[in-house]
Amino acid sequence: MKKWMYLATILAVGIVLVLANLGHGTEAKKAKQPVHILAGIDSLTNGRLYGSNKSRYLDDFIPALKKQYGDGGPGYIPFDTLYFQREGVRLEFSGNLKEINDLPHDVAPAIYSFDFKGLYTLRGQSDFIKMDLNRSFTMAKLFYLEQGGGGSFEAGSGGHFIKVKTNGRTGLGVITLPGHSPRHSLIIRHIRGRVTLFGGYFYNPSGVIVSRVGQGGDRLEWYAGLNKRTLIQWIQALQPDLYIFNGGMNDRNWLSAYRYKASLDMYLTPFLKSHCTLILSIPNAIRGDETRLKAYSHELRLFSKQYHTGLISYQDALGTSYREAYLKGYMADDIHPNAKGASVMSRHLLNYLNHHEVFRALLSTK
């Protein structure tokens, strides 16, 4: 009798282990992600769009990278009018919704955002958001703010919607969009009460994604002041593999080298702790006083050495002085590279990634 009970127990445990392994395999398959690259935080990644004077090197870099490693999808897209205008896609929303981009950087809900973008309302009355990306993707997540006294909304596309209540402890809320279709507009409707909606993450199960962080004029000091608990939640939700970071050009008139270093530590440490690989960018030379930027560059080199990050200098690509870059025809003004200069920066960065095994391996892992 005891022998049969013993055999039955072994059989039962075996079945449980098999089912557990099957479940684990299914979850692993569901969790398959593209390589996610963040790039920010100022106009070099998401800025000027004035024909030959545009400064966005990512406009050349993203298609070149995806051609080599596959298209992982659009990436993180904030609900922000300026962002959508620059990307050439459509965003509509009703009158009770306001833009986080218009708020001071140090107030709620801005401090809970990823990049000071999104839409919010204190008294939603069946308001709506409608967006079209015109880009290929197979999966999508939506990010909102959980908050005390939060309201509700419905989100979906193609006739499939899920209702979300946002009341809770202040922090990042994430939902997977149900039955979405890239052929249909993303609709967020019946927005009622106190609701903040940041944006969405649109992706495929493989390839490479590059998400633009920030916009022209953004300062590193602002990002260092983001709510730390929520920033960690953002990093866990977006799962970035690599952050190509440039920041400080817009801080140079206000921030000492000491405070710049402190801002680097405050903002980038959560990414390091999440095992996100970093590449720090030495900024291009500008016309005028470069004393502060040279001090920032020194701090970037020290940070890179301390934390074993990647380090790239755009002065190596454009010229070690403003005059050199200007004579080569790379500058749009006293600070920003033009389209030609941005293209040179793009090739410089792509060559850097392809000539370092750690980054080649990272880009080829998923």
Protein backbone atom coordinates (compact mmCIF):
# COMPACT_ATOMS: atom_id res chain seq x y z
CA MET A 1 0.00 0.00 0.00
CA LYS A 2 2.75 2.40 0.97
CA LYS A 3 4.67 1.43 -2.19
CA TRP A 4 1.73 2.39 -4.42
CA MET A 5 1.27 5.65 -2.51
CA TYR A 6 4.97 6.39 -2.98
CA LEU A 7 4.77 5.73 -6.75
CA ALA A 8 1.63 7.82 -7.05
CA THR A 9 3.34 10.70 -5.29
CA ILE A 10 6.33 10.52 -7.65
CA LEU A 11 3.98 10.44 -10.66
CA ALA A 12 2.03 13.45 -9.38
CA VAL A 13 5.21 15.45 -8.77
CA GLY A 14 6.42 14.54 -12.26
CA ILE A 15 3.20 15.78 -13.83
CA VAL A 16 3.43 19.05 -11.89
CA LEU A 17 7.04 19.56 -13.02
CA VAL A 18 6.16 18.87 -16.66
CA LEU A 19 3.24 21.30 -16.52
CA ALA A 20 5.45 23.87 -14.80
CA ASN A 21 8.08 23.55 -17.52
CA LEU A 22 5.43 23.86 -20.21
CA GLY A 23 4.10 26.95 -18.49
CA HIS A 24 7.58 28.40 -18.16
CA GLY A 25 8.21 27.85 -21.84
CA THR A 26 4.96 29.55 -22.74
CA GLU A 27 5.79 32.54 -20.56
CA ALA A 28 9.27 32.77 -22.06
CA LYS A 29 7.74 32.81 -25.51
CA LYS A 30 5.24 35.49 -24.50
CA ALA A 31 8.03 37.54 -22.95
CA LYS A 32 10.16 37.59 -26.13
CA GLN A 33 11.22 41.16 -26.77
CA PRO A 34 13.15 43.15 -29.36
CA VAL A 35 16.42 44.87 -28.48
CA HIS A 36 15.27 48.17 -27.00
CA ILE A 37 17.53 51.20 -27.36
CA LEU A 38 16.83 54.55 -25.73
CA ALA A 39 18.40 57.71 -27.16
CA GLY A 40 18.13 61.14 -25.58
CA ILE A 41 17.71 63.67 -24.13
CA ASP A 42 17.84 66.82 -26.28
CA SER A 43 17.52 68.17 -29.83
CA LEU A 44 20.18 65.85 -31.28
CA THR A 45 17.77 62.96 -30.80
CA ASN A 46 14.39 64.69 -31.00
CA GLY A 47 14.79 68.25 -32.16
CA ARG A 48 15.05 70.61 -35.09
CA LEU A 49 13.35 69.69 -38.37
CA TYR A 50 14.28 72.56 -40.65
CA GLY A 51 15.27 70.89 -43.89
CA SER A 52 19.03 70.93 -44.36
CA ASN A 53 19.41 72.44 -40.88
CA LYS A 54 17.76 69.63 -38.92
CA SER A 55 19.89 68.29 -36.08
CA ARG A 56 18.34 64.84 -35.54
CA TYR A 57 20.99 62.21 -36.19
CA LEU A 58 18.50 59.45 -35.31
CA ASP A 59 16.62 60.12 -38.56
CA ASP A 60 19.53 58.42 -40.36
CA PHE A 61 20.64 56.12 -37.58
CA ILE A 62 17.33 54.33 -36.91
CA PRO A 63 16.62 53.06 -40.47
CA ALA A 64 20.26 52.04 -40.93
CA LEU A 65 20.27 50.08 -37.68
CA LYS A 66 16.94 48.38 -38.43
CA LYS A 67 18.11 47.44 -41.91
CA GLN A 68 21.01 45.60 -40.32
CA TYR A 69 19.30 44.04 -37.30
CA GLY A 70 15.57 43.98 -38.10
CA ASP A 71 12.60 46.22 -37.30
CA GLY A 72 11.46 45.81 -33.69
CA GLY A 73 8.68 48.37 -34.08
CA PRO A 74 8.08 52.06 -33.31
CA GLY A 75 9.06 51.85 -29.64
CA TYR A 76 7.91 54.21 -26.91
CA ILE A 77 5.62 56.95 -28.25
CA PRO A 78 4.47 59.67 -25.83
CA PHE A 79 1.10 61.39 -26.19
CA ASP A 80 2.56 64.75 -27.17
CA THR A 81 1.56 67.09 -30.00
CA LEU A 82 5.09 68.21 -30.83
CA TYR A 83 6.38 64.62 -30.91
CA PHE A 84 3.63 63.53 -33.31
CA GLN A 85 4.18 66.55 -35.56
CA ARG A 86 7.86 65.76 -35.84
CA GLU A 87 7.17 62.09 -36.54
CA GLY A 88 4.55 62.92 -39.17
CA VAL A 89 1.77 60.89 -37.53
CA ARG A 90 -1.63 61.84 -36.16
CA LEU A 91 -2.72 62.54 -32.59
CA GLU A 92 -6.14 63.90 -31.65
CA PHE A 93 -7.58 64.52 -28.20
CA SER A 94 -10.56 66.29 -26.67
CA GLY A 95 -10.61 69.62 -24.90
CA ASN A 96 -10.44 68.60 -21.26
CA LEU A 97 -7.04 66.99 -21.81
CA LYS A 98 -3.91 69.11 -21.35
CA GLU A 99 -0.27 68.42 -22.25
CA ILE A 100 2.32 67.58 -19.61
CA ASN A 101 4.85 69.27 -21.88
CA ASP A 102 3.28 72.62 -20.95
CA LEU A 103 3.77 72.09 -17.20
CA PRO A 104 6.81 73.06 -15.10
CA HIS A 105 9.19 70.10 -14.97
CA ASP A 106 9.08 69.78 -11.17
CA VAL A 107 5.34 69.35 -10.55
CA ALA A 108 2.90 66.44 -10.80
CA PRO A 109 2.16 64.70 -13.09
CA ALA A 110 5.35 65.75 -14.94
CA ILE A 111 7.67 64.26 -12.29
CA TYR A 112 6.04 60.84 -12.78
CA SER A 113 6.47 60.83 -16.57
CA PHE A 114 9.34 59.25 -18.49
CA ASP A 115 10.22 62.35 -20.52
CA PHE A 116 7.87 65.17 -19.45
CA LYS A 117 5.27 64.19 -22.01
CA GLY A 118 1.71 62.88 -21.92
CA LEU A 119 -1.86 64.09 -21.45
CA TYR A 120 -3.77 64.69 -18.24
CA THR A 121 -7.13 65.90 -16.99
CA LEU A 122 -8.50 66.64 -13.55
CA ARG A 123 -12.15 66.47 -14.64
CA GLY A 124 -12.50 64.17 -17.60
CA GLN A 125 -16.03 64.00 -19.01
CA SER A 126 -16.03 61.11 -21.46
CA ASP A 127 -12.92 62.56 -23.16
CA PHE A 128 -10.89 60.74 -25.80
CA ILE A 129 -7.47 60.27 -27.43
CA LYS A 130 -7.05 58.97 -30.98
CA MET A 131 -3.72 58.18 -32.59
CA ASP A 132 -2.40 56.65 -35.81
CA LEU A 133 1.20 55.48 -36.14
CA ASN A 134 1.17 54.08 -39.70
CA ARG A 135 3.94 51.74 -38.56
CA SER A 136 4.13 47.97 -38.30
CA PHE A 137 3.92 46.38 -34.85
CA THR A 138 2.36 43.28 -33.32
CA MET A 139 2.18 44.12 -29.58
CA ALA A 140 1.35 47.22 -27.59
CA LYS A 141 1.33 48.47 -24.00
CA LEU A 142 -0.22 51.60 -22.58
CA PHE A 143 1.21 53.66 -19.70
CA TYR A 144 -0.84 55.73 -17.30
CA LEU A 145 -0.57 57.16 -13.79
CA GLU A 146 -2.07 55.33 -10.85
CA GLN A 147 -3.02 57.98 -8.30
CA GLY A 148 -5.25 58.63 -5.34
CA GLY A 149 -8.69 59.68 -6.49
CA GLY A 150 -7.93 58.49 -10.02
CA GLY A 151 -10.65 58.17 -12.63
CA SER A 152 -11.14 55.65 -15.43
CA PHE A 153 -10.85 55.11 -19.18
CA GLU A 154 -11.25 52.48 -21.89
CA ALA A 155 -8.50 51.64 -24.39
CA GLY A 156 -8.27 49.50 -27.51
CA SER A 157 -8.54 49.36 -31.28
CA GLY A 158 -10.58 47.52 -33.86
CA GLY A 159 -13.56 47.26 -31.55
CA HIS A 160 -11.77 45.53 -28.66
CA PHE A 161 -11.55 47.61 -25.48
CA ILE A 162 -10.50 47.17 -21.88
CA LYS A 163 -11.71 49.35 -19.01
CA VAL A 164 -9.09 50.67 -16.59
CA LYS A 165 -9.52 52.29 -13.18
CA THR A 166 -6.57 54.46 -12.23
CA ASN A 167 -7.18 54.87 -8.51
CA GLY A 168 -4.33 53.55 -6.36
CA ARG A 169 -0.94 54.30 -4.87
CA THR A 170 0.88 56.87 -6.98
CA GLY A 171 3.02 55.12 -9.58
CA LEU A 172 3.17 53.82 -13.12
CA GLY A 173 0.25 51.81 -14.45
CA VAL A 174 0.74 49.46 -17.41
CA ILE A 175 -1.77 47.52 -19.48
CA THR A 176 -1.38 45.34 -22.55
CA LEU A 177 -3.79 46.53 -25.21
CA PRO A 178 -6.43 43.89 -26.03
CA GLY A 179 -7.05 42.77 -29.59
CA HIS A 180 -5.22 45.80 -30.96
CA SER A 181 -4.46 46.16 -34.64
CA PRO A 182 -1.92 48.46 -36.28
CA ARG A 183 -4.42 48.82 -39.14
CA HIS A 184 -6.80 50.65 -36.82
CA SER A 185 -6.45 53.81 -34.77
CA LEU A 186 -5.62 53.43 -31.10
CA ILE A 187 -8.62 54.78 -29.22
CA ILE A 188 -8.71 55.80 -25.57
CA ARG A 189 -12.28 56.78 -24.73
CA HIS A 190 -14.65 57.47 -21.84
CA ILE A 191 -11.85 59.24 -19.94
CA ARG A 192 -13.57 60.30 -16.74
CA GLY A 193 -12.34 62.08 -13.64
CA ARG A 194 -8.68 62.51 -12.73
CA VAL A 195 -6.62 60.68 -15.37
CA THR A 196 -3.06 60.94 -16.72
CA LEU A 197 -2.01 59.00 -19.84
CA PHE A 198 1.67 59.06 -20.74
CA GLY A 199 1.99 57.09 -23.98
CA GLY A 200 2.39 53.64 -25.47
CA TYR A 201 5.07 51.09 -26.29
CA PHE A 202 4.60 49.46 -29.71
CA TYR A 203 6.84 46.54 -30.63
CA ASN A 204 7.51 43.25 -32.42
CA PRO A 205 8.95 40.06 -30.88
CA SER A 206 12.37 40.56 -32.51
CA GLY A 207 14.56 43.14 -34.21
CA VAL A 208 15.68 46.51 -32.86
CA ILE A 209 13.72 49.45 -31.43
CA VAL A 210 15.05 52.97 -30.89
CA SER A 211 12.89 55.14 -28.62
CA ARG A 212 13.53 58.90 -28.62
CA VAL A 213 13.76 60.42 -25.14
CA GLY A 214 13.13 64.11 -24.56
CA GLN A 215 13.26 67.02 -27.00
CA GLY A 216 15.17 70.17 -27.85
CA GLY A 217 15.81 72.37 -24.80
CA ASP A 218 15.56 69.59 -22.20
CA ARG A 219 18.06 69.71 -19.36
CA LEU A 220 19.74 66.83 -17.57
CA GLU A 221 18.94 68.48 -14.23
CA TRP A 222 15.21 68.08 -14.97
CA TYR A 223 15.60 64.34 -15.59
CA ALA A 224 17.62 63.97 -12.38
CA GLY A 225 14.56 65.34 -10.58
CA LEU A 226 12.11 62.72 -11.86
CA ASN A 227 10.40 60.68 -9.15
CA LYS A 228 12.87 57.85 -8.47
CA ARG A 229 10.34 55.16 -7.58
CA THR A 230 8.36 55.82 -10.75
CA LEU A 231 11.51 56.01 -12.92
CA ILE A 232 12.46 52.53 -11.73
CA GLN A 233 8.95 51.35 -12.67
CA TRP A 234 9.39 52.90 -16.12
CA ILE A 235 12.68 51.08 -16.61
CA GLN A 236 11.12 47.78 -15.53
CA ALA A 237 8.22 48.30 -17.96
CA LEU A 238 10.25 49.44 -20.99
CA GLN A 239 13.15 47.01 -20.38
CA PRO A 240 15.81 49.05 -22.22
CA ASP A 241 18.90 47.11 -23.26
CA LEU A 242 20.97 50.14 -24.23
CA TYR A 243 20.79 53.87 -23.52
CA ILE A 244 22.69 56.18 -25.88
CA PHE A 245 22.85 59.20 -23.62
CA ASN A 246 23.67 62.77 -24.52
CA GLY A 247 22.77 65.55 -22.12
CA GLY A 248 24.14 68.76 -20.74
CA MET A 249 24.24 71.17 -23.67
CA ASN A 250 21.20 72.97 -22.27
CA ASP A 251 22.51 72.88 -18.68
CA ARG A 252 25.77 74.69 -19.39
CA ASN A 253 24.56 78.16 -18.38
CA TRP A 254 23.12 76.99 -15.03
CA LEU A 255 24.81 73.82 -13.85
CA SER A 256 28.33 73.57 -12.39
CA ALA A 257 30.46 70.54 -13.23
CA TYR A 258 29.92 69.30 -9.67
CA ARG A 259 26.13 69.48 -10.01
CA TYR A 260 26.34 67.98 -13.50
CA LYS A 261 28.12 64.96 -12.04
CA ALA A 262 25.48 64.70 -9.31
CA SER A 263 22.72 64.84 -11.94
CA LEU A 264 24.42 62.10 -13.96
CA ASP A 265 24.51 59.89 -10.87
CA MET A 266 20.89 60.58 -9.93
CA TYR A 267 19.46 59.99 -13.38
CA LEU A 268 21.59 57.16 -14.76
CA THR A 269 22.12 55.00 -11.66
CA PRO A 270 18.66 53.36 -11.93
CA PHE A 271 19.50 52.34 -15.50
CA LEU A 272 22.83 50.88 -14.41
CA LYS A 273 21.16 48.94 -11.60
CA SER A 274 18.71 47.46 -14.11
CA HIS A 275 21.68 46.18 -16.17
CA CYS A 276 20.92 48.56 -19.03
CA THR A 277 24.11 49.14 -21.03
CA LEU A 278 25.11 52.79 -21.44
CA ILE A 279 26.93 54.74 -24.11
CA LEU A 280 27.79 58.27 -23.01
CA SER A 281 28.19 60.95 -25.69
CA ILE A 282 30.82 63.70 -25.66
CA PRO A 283 29.04 66.69 -27.28
CA ASN A 284 30.09 68.41 -30.48
CA ALA A 285 32.14 71.61 -30.30
CA ILE A 286 30.19 74.89 -30.26
CA ARG A 287 30.98 78.50 -31.06
CA GLY A 288 31.70 80.54 -27.96
CA ASP A 289 32.76 79.64 -24.44
CA GLU A 290 33.21 75.87 -24.12
CA THR A 291 34.64 75.87 -20.59
CA ARG A 292 31.58 74.31 -19.00
CA LEU A 293 31.10 71.73 -21.77
CA LYS A 294 34.73 70.65 -21.46
CA ALA A 295 34.19 70.20 -17.73
CA TYR A 296 31.07 68.13 -18.46
CA SER A 297 33.05 66.00 -20.94
CA HIS A 298 35.64 65.33 -18.26
CA GLU A 299 32.89 64.16 -15.89
CA LEU A 300 31.45 61.91 -18.61
CA ARG A 301 34.85 60.27 -19.09
CA LEU A 302 35.22 59.71 -15.35
CA PHE A 303 31.68 58.30 -15.12
CA SER A 304 32.35 55.97 -18.06
CA LYS A 305 35.58 54.73 -16.49
CA GLN A 306 33.95 54.21 -13.09
CA TYR A 307 30.94 52.26 -14.39
CA HIS A 308 32.57 50.66 -17.45
CA THR A 309 30.15 52.19 -19.95
CA GLY A 310 30.57 52.93 -23.63
CA LEU A 311 31.88 56.37 -24.57
CA ILE A 312 31.70 58.14 -27.92
CA SER A 313 32.84 61.62 -28.94
CA TYR A 314 31.05 63.47 -31.72
CA GLN A 315 34.04 65.79 -31.94
CA ASP A 316 35.86 62.82 -33.46
CA ALA A 317 33.25 62.84 -36.23
CA LEU A 318 32.56 66.55 -36.79
CA GLY A 319 35.77 68.24 -35.67
CA THR A 320 37.59 69.01 -32.45
CA SER A 321 36.72 72.71 -32.79
CA TYR A 322 33.68 74.63 -33.97
CA ARG A 323 35.74 76.22 -36.76
CA GLU A 324 36.79 72.81 -38.07
CA ALA A 325 33.19 71.53 -38.07
CA TYR A 326 31.93 74.76 -39.66
CA LEU A 327 34.51 74.69 -42.47
CA LYS A 328 33.52 71.10 -43.22
CA GLY A 329 29.93 72.28 -43.67
CA TYR A 330 28.58 70.37 -40.69
CA MET A 331 27.02 73.16 -38.59
CA ALA A 332 23.53 74.69 -38.85
CA ASP A 333 24.25 77.41 -36.29
CA ASP A 334 26.57 78.07 -33.34
CA ILE A 335 25.45 74.89 -31.55
CA HIS A 336 23.50 72.45 -33.72
CA PRO A 337 24.89 70.26 -36.49
CA ASN A 338 22.93 70.46 -39.75
CA ALA A 339 21.53 67.53 -41.74
CA LYS A 340 24.97 66.78 -43.21
CA GLY A 341 26.55 66.85 -39.77
CA ALA A 342 23.74 64.72 -38.32
CA SER A 343 24.31 62.13 -41.05
CA VAL A 344 28.04 62.03 -40.21
CA MET A 345 27.15 61.55 -36.53
CA SER A 346 24.81 58.71 -37.43
CA ARG A 347 27.51 56.85 -39.38
CA HIS A 348 30.01 57.49 -36.58
CA LEU A 349 27.68 55.93 -34.00
CA LEU A 350 26.77 52.98 -36.21
CA ASN A 351 30.47 52.26 -36.83
CA TYR A 352 31.10 52.49 -33.09
CA LEU A 353 28.43 49.87 -32.39
CA ASN A 354 29.57 47.56 -35.16
CA HIS A 355 33.24 47.72 -34.18
CA HIS A 356 32.75 46.83 -30.53
CA GLU A 357 31.91 43.20 -29.82
CA VAL A 358 29.87 43.98 -26.70
CA PHE A 359 27.42 46.09 -28.73
CA ARG A 360 27.35 43.75 -31.74
CA ALA A 361 26.50 40.89 -29.40
CA LEU A 362 23.81 42.94 -27.67
CA LEU A 363 22.14 43.90 -30.95
CA SER A 364 22.15 40.30 -32.14
CA THR A 365 20.79 38.64 -29.01
CA LYS A 366 17.04 38.89 -29.64
